[in-house]
Protein backbone atom coordinates (compact mmCIF):
# COMPACT_ATOMS: atom_id res chain seq x y z
CA UNK A 1 132.41 153.51 92.66
CA UNK A 2 130.51 152.98 89.41
CA UNK A 3 132.37 153.21 86.13
CA UNK A 4 130.22 153.14 83.03
CA UNK A 5 132.06 151.03 80.53
CA UNK A 6 133.39 153.00 77.57
CA UNK A 7 131.58 152.05 74.38
CA UNK A 8 131.22 153.10 70.77
CA UNK A 9 127.77 153.24 69.20
CA UNK A 10 128.58 152.64 65.53
CA UNK A 11 125.07 153.64 64.42
CA UNK A 12 125.40 157.18 65.79
CA UNK A 13 129.23 157.33 65.83
CA UNK A 14 129.16 158.42 69.48
CA UNK A 15 131.89 157.26 71.84
CA UNK A 16 131.08 157.12 75.55
CA UNK A 17 134.37 157.44 77.45
CA UNK A 18 135.30 157.10 81.11
CA UNK A 19 139.01 157.25 81.85
CA UNK A 20 141.27 156.64 84.83
CA UNK A 21 144.48 158.74 84.89
CA UNK A 22 145.45 158.24 81.22
CA UNK A 23 143.78 160.40 78.54
CA UNK A 24 142.04 159.29 75.39
CA UNK A 25 143.59 160.61 72.17
CA UNK A 26 141.78 161.13 68.88
CA UNK A 27 143.66 161.95 65.69
CA UNK A 28 141.45 163.60 63.10
CA UNK A 29 141.43 166.08 60.24
CA UNK A 30 141.72 169.53 61.82
CA UNK A 31 138.73 170.98 59.97
CA UNK A 32 136.38 168.60 61.79
CA UNK A 33 134.54 169.79 64.89
CA UNK A 34 136.17 169.43 68.29
CA UNK A 35 134.27 167.79 71.14
CA UNK A 36 133.49 170.06 74.08
CA UNK A 37 135.61 168.03 76.52
CA UNK A 38 138.96 168.41 74.72
CA UNK A 39 141.71 169.31 77.17
CA UNK A 40 144.54 169.92 74.70
CA UNK A 41 145.07 169.96 70.93
CA UNK A 42 148.39 169.05 69.29
CA UNK A 43 149.00 170.15 65.69
CA UNK A 44 151.92 170.17 63.27
CA UNK A 45 152.52 172.83 60.63
CA UNK A 46 153.22 170.06 58.11
CA UNK A 47 149.99 168.13 58.67
CA UNK A 48 146.26 168.65 58.22
CA UNK A 49 145.72 166.36 61.22
CA UNK A 50 145.50 167.15 64.90
CA UNK A 51 145.58 165.11 68.07
CA UNK A 52 142.75 165.82 70.52
CA UNK A 53 143.29 164.90 74.16
CA UNK A 54 140.22 163.98 76.21
CA UNK A 55 140.99 164.39 79.89
CA UNK A 56 140.52 161.41 82.21
CA UNK A 57 139.47 161.46 85.83
CA UNK A 58 142.46 161.73 88.15
CA UNK A 59 141.85 158.53 90.07
CA UNK A 60 142.87 154.89 89.61
CA UNK A 61 140.52 152.10 88.57
CA UNK A 62 141.02 149.91 91.64
CA UNK A 63 140.98 152.53 94.41
CA UNK A 64 138.07 152.38 96.82
CA UNK A 65 137.22 154.73 99.69
CA UNK A 66 134.05 155.40 101.62
CA UNK A 67 133.68 158.83 100.00
CA UNK A 68 134.83 157.85 96.53
CA UNK A 69 133.21 159.49 93.53
CA UNK A 70 131.98 158.03 90.26
CA UNK A 71 133.98 158.31 87.06
CA UNK A 72 132.67 160.98 84.73
CA UNK A 73 131.26 159.94 81.38
CA UNK A 74 132.12 161.92 78.27
CA UNK A 75 130.21 161.65 75.00
CA UNK A 76 132.43 162.23 71.95
CA UNK A 77 131.18 162.43 68.35
CA UNK A 78 133.39 160.46 65.98
CA UNK A 79 133.99 161.03 62.27
CA UNK A 80 135.11 158.81 59.42
CA UNK A 81 138.90 158.65 59.42
CA UNK A 82 139.29 159.36 63.15
CA UNK A 83 141.86 157.25 64.99
CA UNK A 84 141.08 156.57 68.65
CA UNK A 85 144.13 155.87 70.82
CA UNK A 86 144.46 154.68 74.40
CA UNK A 87 147.86 153.94 75.93
CA UNK A 88 149.65 153.30 79.19
CA UNK A 89 152.10 155.78 80.65
CA UNK A 90 154.95 153.34 79.95
CA UNK A 91 155.76 155.14 76.69
CA UNK A 92 156.17 158.60 78.22
CA UNK A 93 157.94 157.33 81.35
CA UNK A 94 160.63 155.38 79.46
CA UNK A 95 164.18 156.61 79.97
CA UNK A 96 166.45 156.91 76.95
CA UNK A 97 167.79 159.28 74.33
CA UNK A 98 171.24 160.84 74.47
CA UNK A 99 170.75 162.17 78.01
CA UNK A 100 168.86 159.24 79.56
CA UNK A 101 165.72 161.30 80.16
CA UNK A 102 162.04 160.37 79.87
CA UNK A 103 160.46 160.26 76.41
CA UNK A 104 157.39 162.26 77.59
CA UNK A 105 154.19 162.71 75.60
CA UNK A 106 154.96 165.60 73.23
CA UNK A 107 157.39 163.69 70.94
CA UNK A 108 155.07 160.68 70.94
CA UNK A 109 152.08 162.82 69.92
CA UNK A 110 154.04 164.44 67.07
CA UNK A 111 155.21 161.03 65.86
CA UNK A 112 151.70 159.60 65.96
CA UNK A 113 150.41 162.46 63.81
CA UNK A 114 153.31 162.05 61.35
CA UNK A 115 152.82 158.27 61.13
CA UNK A 116 149.19 158.63 59.97
CA UNK A 117 150.43 158.74 56.37
CA UNK A 118 151.47 155.08 56.72
CA UNK A 119 149.12 152.16 56.23
CA UNK A 120 147.28 151.61 59.51
CA UNK A 121 148.96 148.22 60.02
CA UNK A 122 152.44 149.75 59.56
CA UNK A 123 151.88 152.43 62.20
CA UNK A 124 152.40 149.85 64.98
CA UNK A 125 155.88 149.07 63.66
CA UNK A 126 156.69 152.78 63.41
CA UNK A 127 155.66 153.42 67.03
CA UNK A 128 157.62 150.37 68.23
CA UNK A 129 160.69 151.62 66.35
CA UNK A 130 160.39 155.08 67.92
CA UNK A 131 160.13 153.53 71.38
CA UNK A 132 163.00 151.07 70.84
CA UNK A 133 165.26 153.77 69.39
CA UNK A 134 164.52 156.03 72.37
CA UNK A 135 165.03 153.26 74.93
CA UNK A 136 168.17 151.96 73.16
CA UNK A 137 170.20 150.20 75.88
CA UNK A 138 168.16 151.46 78.85
CA UNK A 139 166.12 148.91 80.75
CA UNK A 140 162.37 149.09 80.14
CA UNK A 141 160.86 150.63 83.27
CA UNK A 142 157.11 150.03 82.88
CA UNK A 143 154.45 148.19 80.93
CA UNK A 144 153.87 149.49 77.42
CA UNK A 145 150.51 149.06 75.72
CA UNK A 146 148.68 151.00 73.01
CA UNK A 147 145.30 150.31 71.45
CA UNK A 148 144.28 152.11 68.25
CA UNK A 149 140.97 151.90 66.40
CA UNK A 150 140.27 153.60 63.08
CA UNK A 151 136.75 154.83 62.36
CA UNK A 152 135.69 153.90 58.83
């Protein structure tokens, strides 16, 4: 199985993306063009931003079979101000809230769009607070990791 490494060409502002199970998210101004491989778009009535979801391949990184297929490569044009996000499923799978249910992705996406008004460095604290408040006294059930890069 060959997986072309995801990379960002800063000269052309093209992102080459190959994903395994977890999508790539891009937050951008909603008047900017949408890449052809967008699976879902999340918007808020109160924001001029949107979250674009680029679908991954539905297969794990370390799974090998005789008839395995290659990861697909997606080329995504980036724009100044875009925020590229990659995260583990530990956020969405965390139990908490008043009913002890999973956080899921929808509330996290809305929060990420809302938090864009904060300084980039302060967004990490805001996301951590959202997660900790949701989890409250529940035990953490999975790894939690998020990487965010802002295009200047």
